[in-house]
Amino acid sequence: MANRVTVSICGEDYTFVADESASYMQKVGSYVNTKMEELLGSAKVGRTDAAVLTAANIADELFKEREAGEGLRRQLKQYLDEANRAKAEASELKREIFKLQNRK
């Protein structure tokens, strides 16, 4: 069920409609507002340019986070593969020990 939330971004009210919770949508709106205000306060740009630059900056953050997440997934897969190899080696060594103990 879609939720409707009104958020304020740079003094303008926008109504978000989404399946996410109201608190989540408020958090998103607040983040965009903060980023927009940072740009408007530090650069001599109008609202439209600030909106485009904010979108580009947030997209940059998204792509970097995705890349970092993918790197973590690759590293985790490598660790799991190493753990599985170690587990298989440990099982093989246990079998060898068992065989050696039964020869006596």
PDB file of N, CA and C in Angstrom:
ATOM      1  N   MET A   1       0.841  -1.178   0.000  1.00  0.00           N
ATOM      2  CA  MET A   1       0.000   0.000   0.000  1.00  0.00           C
ATOM      3  C   MET A   1       0.889   1.244   0.000  1.00  0.00           C
ATOM      4  N   ALA A   2       0.646   2.163  -0.888  1.00  0.00           N
ATOM      5  CA  ALA A   2       1.461   3.359  -1.024  1.00  0.00           C
ATOM      6  C   ALA A   2       1.175   4.348   0.104  1.00  0.00           C
ATOM      7  N   ASN A   3       2.234   4.937   0.610  1.00  0.00           N
ATOM      8  CA  ASN A   3       2.138   5.979   1.623  1.00  0.00           C
ATOM      9  C   ASN A   3       2.371   7.330   0.964  1.00  0.00           C
ATOM     10  N   ARG A   4       1.719   8.341   1.486  1.00  0.00           N
ATOM     11  CA  ARG A   4       1.886   9.717   0.990  1.00  0.00           C
ATOM     12  C   ARG A   4       2.498  10.533   2.109  1.00  0.00           C
ATOM     13  N   VAL A   5       3.585  11.220   1.778  1.00  0.00           N
ATOM     14  CA  VAL A   5       4.255  12.058   2.766  1.00  0.00           C
ATOM     15  C   VAL A   5       4.650  13.364   2.099  1.00  0.00           C
ATOM     16  N   THR A   6       4.414  14.458   2.782  1.00  0.00           N
ATOM     17  CA  THR A   6       4.842  15.757   2.280  1.00  0.00           C
ATOM     18  C   THR A   6       6.159  16.116   2.948  1.00  0.00           C
ATOM     19  N   VAL A   7       7.144  16.427   2.116  1.00  0.00           N
ATOM     20  CA  VAL A   7       8.458  16.813   2.615  1.00  0.00           C
ATOM     21  C   VAL A   7       8.803  18.198   2.078  1.00  0.00           C
ATOM     22  N   SER A   8       9.608  18.913   2.839  1.00  0.00           N
ATOM     23  CA  SER A   8      10.026  20.246   2.438  1.00  0.00           C
ATOM     24  C   SER A   8      11.471  20.190   1.948  1.00  0.00           C
ATOM     25  N   ILE A   9      11.681  20.652   0.718  1.00  0.00           N
ATOM     26  CA  ILE A   9      13.021  20.719   0.138  1.00  0.00           C
ATOM     27  C   ILE A   9      13.215  22.147  -0.345  1.00  0.00           C
ATOM     28  N   CYS A  10      14.177  22.818   0.243  1.00  0.00           N
ATOM     29  CA  CYS A  10      14.476  24.219  -0.088  1.00  0.00           C
ATOM     30  C   CYS A  10      13.234  25.107   0.009  1.00  0.00           C
ATOM     31  N   GLY A  11      12.441  24.880   1.046  1.00  0.00           N
ATOM     32  CA  GLY A  11      11.278  25.717   1.271  1.00  0.00           C
ATOM     33  C   GLY A  11      10.055  25.374   0.438  1.00  0.00           C
ATOM     34  N   GLU A  12      10.161  24.408  -0.432  1.00  0.00           N
ATOM     35  CA  GLU A  12       9.032  23.963  -1.251  1.00  0.00           C
ATOM     36  C   GLU A  12       8.533  22.625  -0.727  1.00  0.00           C
ATOM     37  N   ASP A  13       7.223  22.447  -0.699  1.00  0.00           N
ATOM     38  CA  ASP A  13       6.646  21.176  -0.264  1.00  0.00           C
ATOM     39  C   ASP A  13       6.455  20.242  -1.452  1.00  0.00           C
ATOM     40  N   TYR A  14       6.859  18.997  -1.256  1.00  0.00           N
ATOM     41  CA  TYR A  14       6.701  17.952  -2.272  1.00  0.00           C
ATOM     42  C   TYR A  14       6.016  16.769  -1.618  1.00  0.00           C
ATOM     43  N   THR A  15       5.080  16.175  -2.328  1.00  0.00           N
ATOM     44  CA  THR A  15       4.404  14.988  -1.812  1.00  0.00           C
ATOM     45  C   THR A  15       5.029  13.758  -2.446  1.00  0.00           C
ATOM     46  N   PHE A  16       5.591  12.902  -1.590  1.00  0.00           N
ATOM     47  CA  PHE A  16       6.169  11.631  -2.032  1.00  0.00           C
ATOM     48  C   PHE A  16       5.100  10.563  -1.872  1.00  0.00           C
ATOM     49  N   VAL A  17       4.958   9.711  -2.856  1.00  0.00           N
ATOM     50  CA  VAL A  17       4.050   8.572  -2.791  1.00  0.00           C
ATOM     51  C   VAL A  17       4.875   7.331  -3.078  1.00  0.00           C
ATOM     52  N   ALA A  18       4.961   6.439  -2.084  1.00  0.00           N
ATOM     53  CA  ALA A  18       5.799   5.244  -2.243  1.00  0.00           C
ATOM     54  C   ALA A  18       5.349   4.174  -1.268  1.00  0.00           C
ATOM     55  N   ASP A  19       5.826   2.969  -1.501  1.00  0.00           N
ATOM     56  CA  ASP A  19       5.498   1.851  -0.616  1.00  0.00           C
ATOM     57  C   ASP A  19       6.320   1.887   0.682  1.00  0.00           C
ATOM     58  N   GLU A  20       7.396   2.666   0.679  1.00  0.00           N
ATOM     59  CA  GLU A  20       8.236   2.753   1.871  1.00  0.00           C
ATOM     60  C   GLU A  20       7.505   3.480   2.989  1.00  0.00           C
ATOM     61  N   SER A  21       8.055   3.353   4.189  1.00  0.00           N
ATOM     62  CA  SER A  21       7.424   3.973   5.350  1.00  0.00           C
ATOM     63  C   SER A  21       7.547   5.494   5.277  1.00  0.00           C
ATOM     64  N   ALA A  22       6.656   6.153   6.011  1.00  0.00           N
ATOM     65  CA  ALA A  22       6.674   7.613   6.056  1.00  0.00           C
ATOM     66  C   ALA A  22       8.002   8.118   6.611  1.00  0.00           C
ATOM     67  N   SER A  23       8.526   7.455   7.633  1.00  0.00           N
ATOM     68  CA  SER A  23       9.790   7.902   8.223  1.00  0.00           C
ATOM     69  C   SER A  23      10.944   7.762   7.223  1.00  0.00           C
ATOM     70  N   TYR A  24      10.906   6.714   6.417  1.00  0.00           N
ATOM     71  CA  TYR A  24      11.940   6.533   5.404  1.00  0.00           C
ATOM     72  C   TYR A  24      11.867   7.653   4.362  1.00  0.00           C
ATOM     73  N   MET A  25      10.670   7.949   3.900  1.00  0.00           N
ATOM     74  CA  MET A  25      10.516   9.007   2.893  1.00  0.00           C
ATOM     75  C   MET A  25      10.917  10.363   3.458  1.00  0.00           C
ATOM     76  N   GLN A  26      10.619  10.614   4.732  1.00  0.00           N
ATOM     77  CA  GLN A  26      11.059  11.848   5.374  1.00  0.00           C
ATOM     78  C   GLN A  26      12.589  11.909   5.413  1.00  0.00           C
ATOM     79  N   LYS A  27      13.191  10.772   5.697  1.00  0.00           N
ATOM     80  CA  LYS A  27      14.655  10.690   5.737  1.00  0.00           C
ATOM     81  C   LYS A  27      15.253  11.008   4.361  1.00  0.00           C
ATOM     82  N   VAL A  28      14.659  10.465   3.304  1.00  0.00           N
ATOM     83  CA  VAL A  28      15.122  10.736   1.938  1.00  0.00           C
ATOM     84  C   VAL A  28      14.970  12.217   1.617  1.00  0.00           C
ATOM     85  N   GLY A  29      13.810  12.762   1.913  1.00  0.00           N
ATOM     86  CA  GLY A  29      13.561  14.175   1.646  1.00  0.00           C
ATOM     87  C   GLY A  29      14.515  15.071   2.411  1.00  0.00           C
ATOM     88  N   SER A  30      14.774  14.726   3.657  1.00  0.00           N
ATOM     89  CA  SER A  30      15.687  15.499   4.485  1.00  0.00           C
ATOM     90  C   SER A  30      17.108  15.449   3.924  1.00  0.00           C
ATOM     91  N   TYR A  31      17.504  14.288   3.428  1.00  0.00           N
ATOM     92  CA  TYR A  31      18.836  14.130   2.836  1.00  0.00           C
ATOM     93  C   TYR A  31      18.985  15.013   1.599  1.00  0.00           C
ATOM     94  N   VAL A  32      17.983  14.962   0.729  1.00  0.00           N
ATOM     95  CA  VAL A  32      18.012  15.791  -0.484  1.00  0.00           C
ATOM     96  C   VAL A  32      18.023  17.267  -0.097  1.00  0.00           C
ATOM     97  N   ASN A  33      17.205  17.645   0.872  1.00  0.00           N
ATOM     98  CA  ASN A  33      17.167  19.034   1.325  1.00  0.00           C
ATOM     99  C   ASN A  33      18.536  19.469   1.838  1.00  0.00           C
ATOM    100  N   THR A  34      19.166  18.655   2.652  1.00  0.00           N
ATOM    101  CA  THR A  34      20.489  18.984   3.194  1.00  0.00           C
ATOM    102  C   THR A  34      21.506  19.168   2.074  1.00  0.00           C
ATOM    103  N   LYS A  35      21.509  18.254   1.115  1.00  0.00           N
ATOM    104  CA  LYS A  35      22.446  18.349   0.000  1.00  0.00           C
ATOM    105  C   LYS A  35      22.185  19.597  -0.845  1.00  0.00           C
ATOM    106  N   MET A  36      20.933  19.892  -1.078  1.00  0.00           N
ATOM    107  CA  MET A  36      20.579  21.092  -1.850  1.00  0.00           C
ATOM    108  C   MET A  36      21.026  22.348  -1.102  1.00  0.00           C
ATOM    109  N   GLU A  37      20.737  22.404   0.184  1.00  0.00           N
ATOM    110  CA  GLU A  37      21.098  23.576   0.984  1.00  0.00           C
ATOM    111  C   GLU A  37      22.617  23.754   1.014  1.00  0.00           C
ATOM    112  N   GLU A  38      23.366  22.649   1.112  1.00  0.00           N
ATOM    113  CA  GLU A  38      24.829  22.733   1.087  1.00  0.00           C
ATOM    114  C   GLU A  38      25.303  23.377  -0.210  1.00  0.00           C
ATOM    115  N   LEU A  39      24.752  22.937  -1.325  1.00  0.00           N
ATOM    116  CA  LEU A  39      25.145  23.494  -2.620  1.00  0.00           C
ATOM    117  C   LEU A  39      24.749  24.949  -2.754  1.00  0.00           C
ATOM    118  N   LEU A  40      23.531  25.255  -2.370  1.00  0.00           N
ATOM    119  CA  LEU A  40      23.063  26.643  -2.485  1.00  0.00           C
ATOM    120  C   LEU A  40      23.865  27.579  -1.594  1.00  0.00           C
ATOM    121  N   GLY A  41      24.347  27.053  -0.465  1.00  0.00           N
ATOM    122  CA  GLY A  41      25.120  27.881   0.458  1.00  0.00           C
ATOM    123  C   GLY A  41      26.572  28.056   0.047  1.00  0.00           C
ATOM    124  N   SER A  42      27.091  27.136  -0.741  1.00  0.00           N
ATOM    125  CA  SER A  42      28.515  27.187  -1.061  1.00  0.00           C
ATOM    126  C   SER A  42      28.820  27.603  -2.491  1.00  0.00           C
ATOM    127  N   ALA A  43      27.847  27.575  -3.362  1.00  0.00           N
ATOM    128  CA  ALA A  43      28.087  27.903  -4.770  1.00  0.00           C
ATOM    129  C   ALA A  43      27.086  28.954  -5.228  1.00  0.00           C
ATOM    130  N   LYS A  44      27.495  29.727  -6.161  1.00  0.00           N
ATOM    131  CA  LYS A  44      26.611  30.746  -6.730  1.00  0.00           C
ATOM    132  C   LYS A  44      25.808  30.124  -7.861  1.00  0.00           C
ATOM    133  N   VAL A  45      24.823  29.328  -7.487  1.00  0.00           N
ATOM    134  CA  VAL A  45      23.980  28.660  -8.480  1.00  0.00           C
ATOM    135  C   VAL A  45      22.518  28.875  -8.109  1.00  0.00           C
ATOM    136  N   GLY A  46      21.675  28.773  -9.114  1.00  0.00           N
ATOM    137  CA  GLY A  46      20.242  28.854  -8.884  1.00  0.00           C
ATOM    138  C   GLY A  46      19.702  27.503  -8.464  1.00  0.00           C
ATOM    139  N   ARG A  47      18.421  27.473  -8.149  1.00  0.00           N
ATOM    140  CA  ARG A  47      17.792  26.230  -7.687  1.00  0.00           C
ATOM    141  C   ARG A  47      17.847  25.115  -8.716  1.00  0.00           C
ATOM    142  N   THR A  48      17.608  25.443  -9.962  1.00  0.00           N
ATOM    143  CA  THR A  48      17.616  24.399 -10.994  1.00  0.00           C
ATOM    144  C   THR A  48      19.003  23.779 -11.115  1.00  0.00           C
ATOM    145  N   ASP A  49      20.027  24.614 -11.186  1.00  0.00           N
ATOM    146  CA  ASP A  49      21.391  24.095 -11.255  1.00  0.00           C
ATOM    147  C   ASP A  49      21.748  23.324  -9.991  1.00  0.00           C
ATOM    148  N   ALA A  50      21.314  23.844  -8.848  1.00  0.00           N
ATOM    149  CA  ALA A  50      21.582  23.149  -7.584  1.00  0.00           C
ATOM    150  C   ALA A  50      20.911  21.775  -7.577  1.00  0.00           C
ATOM    151  N   ALA A  51      19.697  21.698  -8.119  1.00  0.00           N
ATOM    152  CA  ALA A  51      18.987  20.419  -8.165  1.00  0.00           C
ATOM    153  C   ALA A  51      19.724  19.423  -9.055  1.00  0.00           C
ATOM    154  N   VAL A  52      20.200  19.898 -10.206  1.00  0.00           N
ATOM    155  CA  VAL A  52      20.928  19.015 -11.123  1.00  0.00           C
ATOM    156  C   VAL A  52      22.245  18.579 -10.493  1.00  0.00           C
ATOM    157  N   LEU A  53      22.972  19.519  -9.896  1.00  0.00           N
ATOM    158  CA  LEU A  53      24.235  19.170  -9.248  1.00  0.00           C
ATOM    159  C   LEU A  53      24.021  18.237  -8.061  1.00  0.00           C
ATOM    160  N   THR A  54      22.957  18.467  -7.309  1.00  0.00           N
ATOM    161  CA  THR A  54      22.630  17.577  -6.188  1.00  0.00           C
ATOM    162  C   THR A  54      22.338  16.172  -6.699  1.00  0.00           C
ATOM    163  N   ALA A  55      21.551  16.084  -7.767  1.00  0.00           N
ATOM    164  CA  ALA A  55      21.251  14.776  -8.353  1.00  0.00           C
ATOM    165  C   ALA A  55      22.534  14.082  -8.816  1.00  0.00           C
ATOM    166  N   ALA A  56      23.427  14.835  -9.458  1.00  0.00           N
ATOM    167  CA  ALA A  56      24.692  14.262  -9.923  1.00  0.00           C
ATOM    168  C   ALA A  56      25.545  13.802  -8.737  1.00  0.00           C
ATOM    169  N   ASN A  57      25.597  14.608  -7.683  1.00  0.00           N
ATOM    170  CA  ASN A  57      26.374  14.224  -6.496  1.00  0.00           C
ATOM    171  C   ASN A  57      25.802  12.987  -5.823  1.00  0.00           C
ATOM    172  N   ILE A  58      24.492  12.907  -5.719  1.00  0.00           N
ATOM    173  CA  ILE A  58      23.859  11.739  -5.094  1.00  0.00           C
ATOM    174  C   ILE A  58      24.061  10.505  -5.969  1.00  0.00           C
ATOM    175  N   ALA A  59      23.993  10.668  -7.308  1.00  0.00           N
ATOM    176  CA  ALA A  59      24.262   9.547  -8.206  1.00  0.00           C
ATOM    177  C   ALA A  59      25.707   9.081  -8.044  1.00  0.00           C
ATOM    178  N   ASP A  60      26.635  10.017  -7.896  1.00  0.00           N
ATOM    179  CA  ASP A  60      28.037   9.672  -7.664  1.00  0.00           C
ATOM    180  C   ASP A  60      28.182   8.862  -6.374  1.00  0.00           C
ATOM    181  N   GLU A  61      27.527   9.307  -5.305  1.00  0.00           N
ATOM    182  CA  GLU A  61      27.551   8.570  -4.038  1.00  0.00           C
ATOM    183  C   GLU A  61      26.997   7.160  -4.230  1.00  0.00           C
ATOM    184  N   LEU A  62      25.889   7.059  -4.956  1.00  0.00           N
ATOM    185  CA  LEU A  62      25.256   5.769  -5.211  1.00  0.00           C
ATOM    186  C   LEU A  62      26.206   4.820  -5.926  1.00  0.00           C
ATOM    187  N   PHE A  63      26.825   5.302  -7.014  1.00  0.00           N
ATOM    188  CA  PHE A  63      27.722   4.447  -7.783  1.00  0.00           C
ATOM    189  C   PHE A  63      28.930   4.012  -6.962  1.00  0.00           C
ATOM    190  N   LYS A  64      29.473   4.910  -6.158  1.00  0.00           N
ATOM    191  CA  LYS A  64      30.619   4.561  -5.310  1.00  0.00           C
ATOM    192  C   LYS A  64      30.221   3.541  -4.250  1.00  0.00           C
ATOM    193  N   GLU A  65      29.035   3.701  -3.665  1.00  0.00           N
ATOM    194  CA  GLU A  65      28.554   2.742  -2.665  1.00  0.00           C
ATOM    195  C   GLU A  65      28.303   1.375  -3.292  1.00  0.00           C
ATOM    196  N   ARG A  66      27.735   1.374  -4.497  1.00  0.00           N
ATOM    197  CA  ARG A  66      27.516   0.108  -5.198  1.00  0.00           C
ATOM    198  C   ARG A  66      28.839  -0.595  -5.467  1.00  0.00           C
ATOM    199  N   GLU A  67      29.832   0.179  -5.915  1.00  0.00           N
ATOM    200  CA  GLU A  67      31.149  -0.386  -6.197  1.00  0.00           C
ATOM    201  C   GLU A  67      31.777  -0.947  -4.924  1.00  0.00           C
ATOM    202  N   ALA A  68      31.659  -0.199  -3.833  1.00  0.00           N
ATOM    203  CA  ALA A  68      32.192  -0.671  -2.553  1.00  0.00           C
ATOM    204  C   ALA A  68      31.465  -1.935  -2.107  1.00  0.00           C
ATOM    205  N   GLY A  69      30.155  -1.961  -2.279  1.00  0.00           N
ATOM    206  CA  GLY A  69      29.374  -3.151  -1.920  1.00  0.00           C
ATOM    207  C   GLY A  69      29.781  -4.358  -2.748  1.00  0.00           C
ATOM    208  N   GLU A  70      29.998  -4.137  -4.035  1.00  0.00           N
ATOM    209  CA  GLU A  70      30.428  -5.234  -4.903  1.00  0.00           C
ATOM    210  C   GLU A  70      31.804  -5.738  -4.483  1.00  0.00           C
ATOM    211  N   GLY A  71      32.690  -4.825  -4.117  1.00  0.00           N
ATOM    212  CA  GLY A  71      34.012  -5.227  -3.633  1.00  0.00           C
ATOM    213  C   GLY A  71      33.906  -6.071  -2.372  1.00  0.00           C
ATOM    214  N   LEU A  72      33.015  -5.692  -1.468  1.00  0.00           N
ATOM    215  CA  LEU A  72      32.805  -6.463  -0.245  1.00  0.00           C
ATOM    216  C   LEU A  72      32.222  -7.841  -0.550  1.00  0.00           C
ATOM    217  N   ARG A  73      31.295  -7.900  -1.524  1.00  0.00           N
ATOM    218  CA  ARG A  73      30.724  -9.196  -1.905  1.00  0.00           C
ATOM    219  C   ARG A  73      31.801 -10.113  -2.488  1.00  0.00           C
ATOM    220  N   ARG A  74      32.677  -9.547  -3.333  1.00  0.00           N
ATOM    221  CA  ARG A  74      33.773 -10.349  -3.903  1.00  0.00           C
ATOM    222  C   ARG A  74      34.696 -10.856  -2.800  1.00  0.00           C
ATOM    223  N   GLN A  75      35.025  -9.965  -1.863  1.00  0.00           N
ATOM    224  CA  GLN A  75      35.905 -10.353  -0.762  1.00  0.00           C
ATOM    225  C   GLN A  75      35.249 -11.426   0.111  1.00  0.00           C
ATOM    226  N   LEU A  76      33.971 -11.267   0.392  1.00  0.00           N
ATOM    227  CA  LEU A  76      33.247 -12.256   1.184  1.00  0.00           C
ATOM    228  C   LEU A  76      33.219 -13.601   0.472  1.00  0.00           C
ATOM    229  N   LYS A  77      32.983 -13.594  -0.843  1.00  0.00           N
ATOM    230  CA  LYS A  77      32.986 -14.836  -1.615  1.00  0.00           C
ATOM    231  C   LYS A  77      34.346 -15.495  -1.540  1.00  0.00           C
ATOM    232  N   GLN A  78      35.406 -14.697  -1.638  1.00  0.00           N
ATOM    233  CA  GLN A  78      36.763 -15.233  -1.552  1.00  0.00           C
ATOM    234  C   GLN A  78      36.985 -15.876  -0.180  1.00  0.00           C
ATOM    235  N   TYR A  79      36.546 -15.207   0.879  1.00  0.00           N
ATOM    236  CA  TYR A  79      36.698 -15.763   2.223  1.00  0.00           C
ATOM    237  C   TYR A  79      35.911 -17.064   2.381  1.00  0.00           C
ATOM    238  N   LEU A  80      34.699 -17.096   1.836  1.00  0.00           N
ATOM    239  CA  LEU A  80      33.892 -18.310   1.923  1.00  0.00           C
ATOM    240  C   LEU A  80      34.528 -19.450   1.141  1.00  0.00           C
ATOM    241  N   ASP A  81      35.065 -19.142  -0.045  1.00  0.00           N
ATOM    242  CA  ASP A  81      35.753 -20.165  -0.828  1.00  0.00           C
ATOM    243  C   ASP A  81      36.956 -20.712  -0.065  1.00  0.00           C
ATOM    244  N   GLU A  82      37.730 -19.811   0.547  1.00  0.00           N
ATOM    245  CA  GLU A  82      38.892 -20.244   1.340  1.00  0.00           C
ATOM    246  C   GLU A  82      38.449 -21.089   2.529  1.00  0.00           C
ATOM    247  N   ALA A  83      37.375 -20.686   3.186  1.00  0.00           N
ATOM    248  CA  ALA A  83      36.867 -21.446   4.330  1.00  0.00           C
ATOM    249  C   ALA A  83      36.397 -22.829   3.895  1.00  0.00           C
ATOM    250  N   ASN A  84      35.732 -22.915   2.736  1.00  0.00           N
ATOM    251  CA  ASN A  84      35.282 -24.217   2.238  1.00  0.00           C
ATOM    252  C   ASN A  84      36.461 -25.110   1.886  1.00  0.00           C
ATOM    253  N   ARG A  85      37.523 -24.512   1.279  1.00  0.00           N
ATOM    254  CA  ARG A  85      38.720 -25.311   0.979  1.00  0.00           C
ATOM    255  C   ARG A  85      39.367 -25.808   2.262  1.00  0.00           C
ATOM    256  N   ALA A  86      39.449 -24.942   3.285  1.00  0.00           N
ATOM    257  CA  ALA A  86      40.037 -25.335   4.564  1.00  0.00           C
ATOM    258  C   ALA A  86      39.204 -26.424   5.231  1.00  0.00           C
ATOM    259  N   LYS A  87      37.907 -26.313   5.123  1.00  0.00           N
ATOM    260  CA  LYS A  87      37.019 -27.319   5.708  1.00  0.00           C
ATOM    261  C   LYS A  87      37.201 -28.670   5.009  1.00  0.00           C
ATOM    262  N   ALA A  88      37.296 -28.643   3.689  1.00  0.00           N
ATOM    263  CA  ALA A  88      37.502 -29.877   2.928  1.00  0.00           C
ATOM    264  C   ALA A  88      38.859 -30.489   3.282  1.00  0.00           C
ATOM    265  N   GLU A  89      39.875 -29.650   3.415  1.00  0.00           N
ATOM    266  CA  GLU A  89      41.209 -30.142   3.781  1.00  0.00           C
ATOM    267  C   GLU A  89      41.195 -30.732   5.183  1.00  0.00           C
ATOM    268  N   ALA A  90      40.491 -30.086   6.104  1.00  0.00           N
ATOM    269  CA  ALA A  90      40.399 -30.603   7.470  1.00  0.00           C
ATOM    270  C   ALA A  90      39.691 -31.952   7.478  1.00  0.00           C
ATOM    271  N   SER A  91      38.650 -32.098   6.680  1.00  0.00           N
ATOM    272  CA  SER A  91      37.932 -33.378   6.599  1.00  0.00           C
ATOM    273  C   SER A  91      38.846 -34.468   6.054  1.00  0.00           C
ATOM    274  N   GLU A  92      39.612 -34.131   5.035  1.00  0.00           N
ATOM    275  CA  GLU A  92      40.540 -35.102   4.460  1.00  0.00           C
ATOM    276  C   GLU A  92      41.601 -35.512   5.475  1.00  0.00           C
ATOM    277  N   LEU A  93      42.118 -34.568   6.218  1.00  0.00           N
ATOM    278  CA  LEU A  93      43.123 -34.876   7.246  1.00  0.00           C
ATOM    279  C   LEU A  93      42.527 -35.745   8.356  1.00  0.00           C
ATOM    280  N   LYS A  94      41.282 -35.483   8.723  1.00  0.00           N
ATOM    281  CA  LYS A  94      40.626 -36.325   9.733  1.00  0.00           C
ATOM    282  C   LYS A  94      40.494 -37.760   9.245  1.00  0.00           C
ATOM    283  N   ARG A  95      40.142 -37.916   7.943  1.00  0.00           N
ATOM    284  CA  ARG A  95      40.052 -39.268   7.379  1.00  0.00           C
ATOM    285  C   ARG A  95      41.401 -39.964   7.409  1.00  0.00           C
ATOM    286  N   GLU A  96      42.453 -39.235   7.082  1.00  0.00           N
ATOM    287  CA  GLU A  96      43.794 -39.825   7.109  1.00  0.00           C
ATOM    288  C   GLU A  96      44.182 -40.216   8.520  1.00  0.00           C
ATOM    289  N   ILE A  97      43.887 -39.373   9.507  1.00  0.00           N
ATOM    290  CA  ILE A  97      44.182 -39.691  10.901  1.00  0.00           C
ATOM    291  C   ILE A  97      43.415 -40.932  11.314  1.00  0.00           C
ATOM    292  N   PHE A  98      42.158 -41.017  10.945  1.00  0.00           N
ATOM    293  CA  PHE A  98      41.334 -42.171  11.294  1.00  0.00           C
ATOM    294  C   PHE A  98      41.921 -43.445  10.683  1.00  0.00           C
ATOM    295  N   LYS A  99      42.335 -43.375   9.433  1.00  0.00           N
ATOM    296  CA  LYS A  99      42.943 -44.537   8.780  1.00  0.00           C
ATOM    297  C   LYS A  99      44.217 -44.965   9.494  1.00  0.00           C
ATOM    298  N   LEU A 100      45.054 -43.994   9.850  1.00  0.00           N
ATOM    299  CA  LEU A 100      46.314 -44.293  10.538  1.00  0.00           C
ATOM    300  C   LEU A 100      46.049 -44.884  11.922  1.00  0.00           C
ATOM    301  N   GLN A 101      45.042 -44.413  12.621  1.00  0.00           N
ATOM    302  CA  GLN A 101      44.734 -44.940  13.948  1.00  0.00           C
ATOM    303  C   GLN A 101      44.199 -46.361  13.870  1.00  0.00           C
ATOM    304  N   ASN A 102      43.503 -46.698  12.823  1.00  0.00           N
ATOM    305  CA  ASN A 102      42.928 -48.029  12.675  1.00  0.00           C
ATOM    306  C   ASN A 102      43.925 -49.062  12.182  1.00  0.00           C
ATOM    307  N   ARG A 103      45.099 -48.675  11.719  1.00  0.00           N
ATOM    308  CA  ARG A 103      46.125 -49.610  11.268  1.00  0.00           C
ATOM    309  C   ARG A 103      46.816 -50.273  12.460  1.00  0.00           C
ATOM    310  N   LYS A 104      46.777 -49.672  13.612  1.00  0.00           N
ATOM    311  CA  LYS A 104      47.479 -50.205  14.795  1.00  0.00           C
ATOM    312  C   LYS A 104      46.856 -51.433  15.327  1.00  0.00           C
TER     313      LYS A 104
END
